[in-house]
Amino acid sequence: MRWLDKLNPFQESMPMTSEQAAALLDDTLDLVHLRLEHLHRRQQGADGRALEAEFREWRHPSGPEIDLVLCPSPS
């Protein structure tokens, strides 16, 4: 099973629902938070700041929608 299929096992047959997309964003932000804690403990501030900048729009969207770039699934 490809790694992306684990995120959305219905990918081949149907698009992701809004609820599935919201859950994926929530889970991703939880992992980002854990990674930031890890980087802070290891005193890797520059990496932590870069990660925070990358996900700032997800945590504090400027409008009602979050712009996402869709990437093709890896083969």
PDB file of N, CA and C in Angstrom:
ATOM      1  N   MET A   1       0.854  -1.178   0.000  1.00  0.00           N
ATOM      2  CA  MET A   1       0.000   0.000   0.000  1.00  0.00           C
ATOM      3  C   MET A   1       0.898   1.238   0.000  1.00  0.00           C
ATOM      4  N   ARG A   2       0.582   2.186  -0.867  1.00  0.00           N
ATOM      5  CA  ARG A   2       1.346   3.429  -0.914  1.00  0.00           C
ATOM      6  C   ARG A   2       1.006   4.266   0.313  1.00  0.00           C
ATOM      7  N   TRP A   3       1.950   5.132   0.721  1.00  0.00           N
ATOM      8  CA  TRP A   3       1.746   5.938   1.938  1.00  0.00           C
ATOM      9  C   TRP A   3       0.541   6.847   1.799  1.00  0.00           C
ATOM     10  N   LEU A   4       0.275   7.379   0.604  1.00  0.00           N
ATOM     11  CA  LEU A   4      -0.851   8.287   0.431  1.00  0.00           C
ATOM     12  C   LEU A   4      -2.182   7.545   0.578  1.00  0.00           C
ATOM     13  N   ASP A   5      -2.205   6.276   0.168  1.00  0.00           N
ATOM     14  CA  ASP A   5      -3.425   5.487   0.309  1.00  0.00           C
ATOM     15  C   ASP A   5      -3.815   5.319   1.771  1.00  0.00           C
ATOM     16  N   LYS A   6      -2.833   5.334   2.659  1.00  0.00           N
ATOM     17  CA  LYS A   6      -3.134   5.224   4.087  1.00  0.00           C
ATOM     18  C   LYS A   6      -3.863   6.473   4.570  1.00  0.00           C
ATOM     19  N   LEU A   7      -3.546   7.620   3.972  1.00  0.00           N
ATOM     20  CA  LEU A   7      -4.219   8.854   4.355  1.00  0.00           C
ATOM     21  C   LEU A   7      -5.639   8.899   3.821  1.00  0.00           C
ATOM     22  N   ASN A   8      -5.854   8.403   2.620  1.00  0.00           N
ATOM     23  CA  ASN A   8      -7.166   8.419   1.997  1.00  0.00           C
ATOM     24  C   ASN A   8      -7.365   7.109   1.242  1.00  0.00           C
ATOM     25  N   PRO A   9      -7.834   6.072   1.916  1.00  0.00           N
ATOM     26  CA  PRO A   9      -7.974   4.773   1.263  1.00  0.00           C
ATOM     27  C   PRO A   9      -8.999   4.775   0.134  1.00  0.00           C
ATOM     28  N   PHE A  10      -9.829   5.811   0.032  1.00  0.00           N
ATOM     29  CA  PHE A  10     -10.851   5.879  -0.998  1.00  0.00           C
ATOM     30  C   PHE A  10     -10.412   6.718  -2.187  1.00  0.00           C
ATOM     31  N   GLN A  11      -9.145   7.083  -2.229  1.00  0.00           N
ATOM     32  CA  GLN A  11      -8.632   8.003  -3.230  1.00  0.00           C
ATOM     33  C   GLN A  11      -8.943   7.555  -4.656  1.00  0.00           C
ATOM     34  N   GLU A  12      -8.791   6.311  -4.956  1.00  0.00           N
ATOM     35  CA  GLU A  12      -8.980   5.835  -6.312  1.00  0.00           C
ATOM     36  C   GLU A  12     -10.438   5.917  -6.747  1.00  0.00           C
ATOM     37  N   SER A  13     -11.375   5.761  -5.819  1.00  0.00           N
ATOM     38  CA  SER A  13     -12.766   5.674  -6.203  1.00  0.00           C
ATOM     39  C   SER A  13     -13.563   6.948  -5.964  1.00  0.00           C
ATOM     40  N   MET A  14     -13.135   7.782  -5.046  1.00  0.00           N
ATOM     41  CA  MET A  14     -13.890   8.990  -4.756  1.00  0.00           C
ATOM     42  C   MET A  14     -12.986  10.045  -4.144  1.00  0.00           C
ATOM     43  N   PRO A  15     -13.314  11.312  -4.346  1.00  0.00           N
ATOM     44  CA  PRO A  15     -12.503  12.367  -3.731  1.00  0.00           C
ATOM     45  C   PRO A  15     -12.686  12.398  -2.212  1.00  0.00           C
ATOM     46  N   MET A  16     -11.757  13.030  -1.552  1.00  0.00           N
ATOM     47  CA  MET A  16     -11.810  13.161  -0.106  1.00  0.00           C
ATOM     48  C   MET A  16     -12.970  14.083   0.274  1.00  0.00           C
ATOM     49  N   THR A  17     -13.709  13.718   1.306  1.00  0.00           N
ATOM     50  CA  THR A  17     -14.803  14.566   1.776  1.00  0.00           C
ATOM     51  C   THR A  17     -14.243  15.733   2.579  1.00  0.00           C
ATOM     52  N   SER A  18     -15.079  16.717   2.812  1.00  0.00           N
ATOM     53  CA  SER A  18     -14.657  17.866   3.633  1.00  0.00           C
ATOM     54  C   SER A  18     -14.257  17.411   5.027  1.00  0.00           C
ATOM     55  N   GLU A  19     -14.997  16.464   5.568  1.00  0.00           N
ATOM     56  CA  GLU A  19     -14.687  15.969   6.909  1.00  0.00           C
ATOM     57  C   GLU A  19     -13.348  15.245   6.925  1.00  0.00           C
ATOM     58  N   GLN A  20     -13.079  14.447   5.892  1.00  0.00           N
ATOM     59  CA  GLN A  20     -11.794  13.750   5.817  1.00  0.00           C
ATOM     60  C   GLN A  20     -10.651  14.748   5.660  1.00  0.00           C
ATOM     61  N   ALA A  21     -10.857  15.775   4.849  1.00  0.00           N
ATOM     62  CA  ALA A  21      -9.824  16.794   4.654  1.00  0.00           C
ATOM     63  C   ALA A  21      -9.564  17.545   5.949  1.00  0.00           C
ATOM     64  N   ALA A  22     -10.623  17.885   6.681  1.00  0.00           N
ATOM     65  CA  ALA A  22     -10.457  18.583   7.958  1.00  0.00           C
ATOM     66  C   ALA A  22      -9.700  17.709   8.959  1.00  0.00           C
ATOM     67  N   ALA A  23     -10.042  16.426   8.992  1.00  0.00           N
ATOM     68  CA  ALA A  23      -9.354  15.502   9.900  1.00  0.00           C
ATOM     69  C   ALA A  23      -7.878  15.378   9.521  1.00  0.00           C
ATOM     70  N   LEU A  24      -7.586  15.343   8.223  1.00  0.00           N
ATOM     71  CA  LEU A  24      -6.202  15.254   7.767  1.00  0.00           C
ATOM     72  C   LEU A  24      -5.421  16.502   8.172  1.00  0.00           C
ATOM     73  N   LEU A  25      -6.025  17.680   8.021  1.00  0.00           N
ATOM     74  CA  LEU A  25      -5.371  18.916   8.446  1.00  0.00           C
ATOM     75  C   LEU A  25      -5.131  18.922   9.949  1.00  0.00           C
ATOM     76  N   ASP A  26      -6.130  18.512  10.721  1.00  0.00           N
ATOM     77  CA  ASP A  26      -5.971  18.461  12.182  1.00  0.00           C
ATOM     78  C   ASP A  26      -4.850  17.520  12.585  1.00  0.00           C
ATOM     79  N   ASP A  27      -4.831  16.327  11.972  1.00  0.00           N
ATOM     80  CA  ASP A  27      -3.789  15.353  12.294  1.00  0.00           C
ATOM     81  C   ASP A  27      -2.408  15.884  11.912  1.00  0.00           C
ATOM     82  N   THR A  28      -2.327  16.548  10.772  1.00  0.00           N
ATOM     83  CA  THR A  28      -1.047  17.114  10.331  1.00  0.00           C
ATOM     84  C   THR A  28      -0.565  18.178  11.302  1.00  0.00           C
ATOM     85  N   LEU A  29      -1.472  19.050  11.734  1.00  0.00           N
ATOM     86  CA  LEU A  29      -1.083  20.099  12.683  1.00  0.00           C
ATOM     87  C   LEU A  29      -0.667  19.508  14.021  1.00  0.00           C
ATOM     88  N   ASP A  30      -1.302  18.418  14.436  1.00  0.00           N
ATOM     89  CA  ASP A  30      -0.866  17.738  15.665  1.00  0.00           C
ATOM     90  C   ASP A  30       0.569  17.234  15.524  1.00  0.00           C
ATOM     91  N   LEU A  31       0.883  16.649  14.364  1.00  0.00           N
ATOM     92  CA  LEU A  31       2.243  16.160  14.136  1.00  0.00           C
ATOM     93  C   LEU A  31       3.239  17.308  14.064  1.00  0.00           C
ATOM     94  N   VAL A  32       2.845  18.420  13.449  1.00  0.00           N
ATOM     95  CA  VAL A  32       3.714  19.587  13.395  1.00  0.00           C
ATOM     96  C   VAL A  32       4.004  20.087  14.810  1.00  0.00           C
ATOM     97  N   HIS A  33       2.981  20.114  15.650  1.00  0.00           N
ATOM     98  CA  HIS A  33       3.170  20.564  17.037  1.00  0.00           C
ATOM     99  C   HIS A  33       4.166  19.650  17.764  1.00  0.00           C
ATOM    100  N   LEU A  34       4.028  18.343  17.591  1.00  0.00           N
ATOM    101  CA  LEU A  34       4.968  17.409  18.226  1.00  0.00           C
ATOM    102  C   LEU A  34       6.385  17.627  17.707  1.00  0.00           C
ATOM    103  N   ARG A  35       6.513  17.864  16.410  1.00  0.00           N
ATOM    104  CA  ARG A  35       7.829  18.098  15.827  1.00  0.00           C
ATOM    105  C   ARG A  35       8.438  19.389  16.362  1.00  0.00           C
ATOM    106  N   LEU A  36       7.616  20.430  16.506  1.00  0.00           N
ATOM    107  CA  LEU A  36       8.117  21.685  17.063  1.00  0.00           C
ATOM    108  C   LEU A  36       8.610  21.492  18.496  1.00  0.00           C
ATOM    109  N   GLU A  37       7.890  20.719  19.295  1.00  0.00           N
ATOM    110  CA  GLU A  37       8.339  20.440  20.663  1.00  0.00           C
ATOM    111  C   GLU A  37       9.682  19.719  20.648  1.00  0.00           C
ATOM    112  N   HIS A  38       9.819  18.744  19.740  1.00  0.00           N
ATOM    113  CA  HIS A  38      11.061  17.989  19.617  1.00  0.00           C
ATOM    114  C   HIS A  38      12.218  18.919  19.226  1.00  0.00           C
ATOM    115  N   LEU A  39      11.972  19.776  18.238  1.00  0.00           N
ATOM    116  CA  LEU A  39      13.023  20.709  17.811  1.00  0.00           C
ATOM    117  C   LEU A  39      13.398  21.665  18.936  1.00  0.00           C
ATOM    118  N   HIS A  40      12.415  22.108  19.701  1.00  0.00           N
ATOM    119  CA  HIS A  40      12.694  23.015  20.821  1.00  0.00           C
ATOM    120  C   HIS A  40      13.569  22.323  21.872  1.00  0.00           C
ATOM    121  N   ARG A  41      13.237  21.074  22.189  1.00  0.00           N
ATOM    122  CA  ARG A  41      14.037  20.329  23.179  1.00  0.00           C
ATOM    123  C   ARG A  41      15.472  20.149  22.698  1.00  0.00           C
ATOM    124  N   ARG A  42      15.665  19.990  21.406  1.00  0.00           N
ATOM    125  CA  ARG A  42      17.006  19.786  20.860  1.00  0.00           C
ATOM    126  C   ARG A  42      17.685  21.102  20.504  1.00  0.00           C
ATOM    127  N   GLN A  43      17.045  22.210  20.858  1.00  0.00           N
ATOM    128  CA  GLN A  43      17.586  23.554  20.631  1.00  0.00           C
ATOM    129  C   GLN A  43      17.907  23.787  19.158  1.00  0.00           C
ATOM    130  N   GLN A  44      16.964  23.403  18.303  1.00  0.00           N
ATOM    131  CA  GLN A  44      17.097  23.626  16.864  1.00  0.00           C
ATOM    132  C   GLN A  44      16.094  24.697  16.446  1.00  0.00           C
ATOM    133  N   GLY A  45      16.334  25.903  16.932  1.00  0.00           N
ATOM    134  CA  GLY A  45      15.411  27.007  16.738  1.00  0.00           C
ATOM    135  C   GLY A  45      15.178  27.381  15.282  1.00  0.00           C
ATOM    136  N   ALA A  46      16.220  27.368  14.461  1.00  0.00           N
ATOM    137  CA  ALA A  46      16.059  27.754  13.058  1.00  0.00           C
ATOM    138  C   ALA A  46      15.120  26.786  12.337  1.00  0.00           C
ATOM    139  N   ASP A  47      15.276  25.498  12.601  1.00  0.00           N
ATOM    140  CA  ASP A  47      14.385  24.510  11.988  1.00  0.00           C
ATOM    141  C   ASP A  47      12.960  24.692  12.479  1.00  0.00           C
ATOM    142  N   GLY A  48      12.809  24.983  13.756  1.00  0.00           N
ATOM    143  CA  GLY A  48      11.480  25.203  14.317  1.00  0.00           C
ATOM    144  C   GLY A  48      10.801  26.417  13.721  1.00  0.00           C
ATOM    145  N   ARG A  49      11.550  27.497  13.537  1.00  0.00           N
ATOM    146  CA  ARG A  49      10.978  28.705  12.933  1.00  0.00           C
ATOM    147  C   ARG A  49      10.559  28.456  11.488  1.00  0.00           C
ATOM    148  N   ALA A  50      11.358  27.685  10.760  1.00  0.00           N
ATOM    149  CA  ALA A  50      11.015  27.364   9.369  1.00  0.00           C
ATOM    150  C   ALA A  50       9.733  26.526   9.312  1.00  0.00           C
ATOM    151  N   LEU A  51       9.616  25.570  10.221  1.00  0.00           N
ATOM    152  CA  LEU A  51       8.417  24.739  10.266  1.00  0.00           C
ATOM    153  C   LEU A  51       7.197  25.557  10.662  1.00  0.00           C
ATOM    154  N   GLU A  52       7.351  26.434  11.632  1.00  0.00           N
ATOM    155  CA  GLU A  52       6.238  27.308  12.029  1.00  0.00           C
ATOM    156  C   GLU A  52       5.791  28.188  10.868  1.00  0.00           C
ATOM    157  N   ALA A  53       6.740  28.738  10.140  1.00  0.00           N
ATOM    158  CA  ALA A  53       6.396  29.593   8.999  1.00  0.00           C
ATOM    159  C   ALA A  53       5.644  28.802   7.936  1.00  0.00           C
ATOM    160  N   GLU A  54       6.054  27.574   7.721  1.00  0.00           N
ATOM    161  CA  GLU A  54       5.420  26.733   6.702  1.00  0.00           C
ATOM    162  C   GLU A  54       3.946  26.485   7.016  1.00  0.00           C
ATOM    163  N   PHE A  55       3.615  26.311   8.274  1.00  0.00           N
ATOM    164  CA  PHE A  55       2.248  25.948   8.651  1.00  0.00           C
ATOM    165  C   PHE A  55       1.482  27.095   9.312  1.00  0.00           C
ATOM    166  N   ARG A  56       2.031  28.302   9.293  1.00  0.00           N
ATOM    167  CA  ARG A  56       1.366  29.453   9.910  1.00  0.00           C
ATOM    168  C   ARG A  56      -0.021  29.697   9.305  1.00  0.00           C
ATOM    169  N   GLU A  57      -0.134  29.614   7.993  1.00  0.00           N
ATOM    170  CA  GLU A  57      -1.418  29.859   7.329  1.00  0.00           C
ATOM    171  C   GLU A  57      -2.456  28.806   7.735  1.00  0.00           C
ATOM    172  N   TRP A  58      -2.017  27.593   7.994  1.00  0.00           N
ATOM    173  CA  TRP A  58      -2.964  26.551   8.426  1.00  0.00           C
ATOM    174  C   TRP A  58      -3.481  26.851   9.817  1.00  0.00           C
ATOM    175  N   ARG A  59      -2.607  27.313  10.691  1.00  0.00           N
ATOM    176  CA  ARG A  59      -3.015  27.589  12.070  1.00  0.00           C
ATOM    177  C   ARG A  59      -3.815  28.877  12.182  1.00  0.00           C
ATOM    178  N   HIS A  60      -3.482  29.865  11.353  1.00  0.00           N
ATOM    179  CA  HIS A  60      -4.131  31.172  11.421  1.00  0.00           C
ATOM    180  C   HIS A  60      -4.512  31.625  10.011  1.00  0.00           C
ATOM    181  N   PRO A  61      -5.513  30.972   9.419  1.00  0.00           N
ATOM    182  CA  PRO A  61      -5.888  31.346   8.049  1.00  0.00           C
ATOM    183  C   PRO A  61      -6.347  32.801   7.971  1.00  0.00           C
ATOM    184  N   SER A  62      -6.017  33.433   6.860  1.00  0.00           N
ATOM    185  CA  SER A  62      -6.385  34.836   6.676  1.00  0.00           C
ATOM    186  C   SER A  62      -7.829  34.987   6.206  1.00  0.00           C
ATOM    187  N   GLY A  63      -8.451  33.912   5.825  1.00  0.00           N
ATOM    188  CA  GLY A  63      -9.835  33.950   5.355  1.00  0.00           C
ATOM    189  C   GLY A  63     -10.545  32.656   5.698  1.00  0.00           C
ATOM    190  N   PRO A  64     -11.701  32.422   5.084  1.00  0.00           N
ATOM    191  CA  PRO A  64     -12.481  31.232   5.412  1.00  0.00           C
ATOM    192  C   PRO A  64     -11.940  29.944   4.799  1.00  0.00           C
ATOM    193  N   GLU A  65     -10.966  30.057   3.891  1.00  0.00           N
ATOM    194  CA  GLU A  65     -10.432  28.876   3.219  1.00  0.00           C
ATOM    195  C   GLU A  65      -8.912  28.858   3.332  1.00  0.00           C
ATOM    196  N   ILE A  66      -8.355  27.663   3.255  1.00  0.00           N
ATOM    197  CA  ILE A  66      -6.908  27.491   3.257  1.00  0.00           C
ATOM    198  C   ILE A  66      -6.509  27.030   1.866  1.00  0.00           C
ATOM    199  N   ASP A  67      -5.595  27.753   1.242  1.00  0.00           N
ATOM    200  CA  ASP A  67      -5.098  27.358  -0.081  1.00  0.00           C
ATOM    201  C   ASP A  67      -4.136  26.192   0.076  1.00  0.00           C
ATOM    202  N   LEU A  68      -4.419  25.133  -0.626  1.00  0.00           N
ATOM    203  CA  LEU A  68      -3.546  23.960  -0.611  1.00  0.00           C
ATOM    204  C   LEU A  68      -3.087  23.675  -2.023  1.00  0.00           C
ATOM    205  N   VAL A  69      -1.870  23.218  -2.146  1.00  0.00           N
ATOM    206  CA  VAL A  69      -1.355  22.807  -3.440  1.00  0.00           C
ATOM    207  C   VAL A  69      -1.486  21.296  -3.505  1.00  0.00           C
ATOM    208  N   LEU A  70      -2.226  20.834  -4.487  1.00  0.00           N
ATOM    209  CA  LEU A  70      -2.413  19.395  -4.647  1.00  0.00           C
ATOM    210  C   LEU A  70      -1.221  18.825  -5.388  1.00  0.00           C
ATOM    211  N   CYS A  71      -0.687  17.756  -4.849  1.00  0.00           N
ATOM    212  CA  CYS A  71       0.459  17.094  -5.469  1.00  0.00           C
ATOM    213  C   CYS A  71       0.016  15.731  -5.977  1.00  0.00           C
ATOM    214  N   PRO A  72       0.563  15.311  -7.108  1.00  0.00           N
ATOM    215  CA  PRO A  72       0.222  13.960  -7.578  1.00  0.00           C
ATOM    216  C   PRO A  72       0.744  12.924  -6.592  1.00  0.00           C
ATOM    217  N   SER A  73       0.042  11.833  -6.481  1.00  0.00           N
ATOM    218  CA  SER A  73       0.494  10.794  -5.559  1.00  0.00           C
ATOM    219  C   SER A  73       1.747  10.141  -6.122  1.00  0.00           C
ATOM    220  N   PRO A  74       2.663   9.764  -5.233  1.00  0.00           N
ATOM    221  CA  PRO A  74       3.903   9.109  -5.705  1.00  0.00           C
ATOM    222  C   PRO A  74       3.572   7.749  -6.307  1.00  0.00           C
ATOM    223  N   SER A  75       4.308   7.383  -7.316  1.00  0.00           N
ATOM    224  CA  SER A  75       4.066   6.093  -7.983  1.00  0.00           C
ATOM    225  C   SER A  75       4.769   4.974  -7.274  1.00  0.00           C
TER     226      SER A  75
END
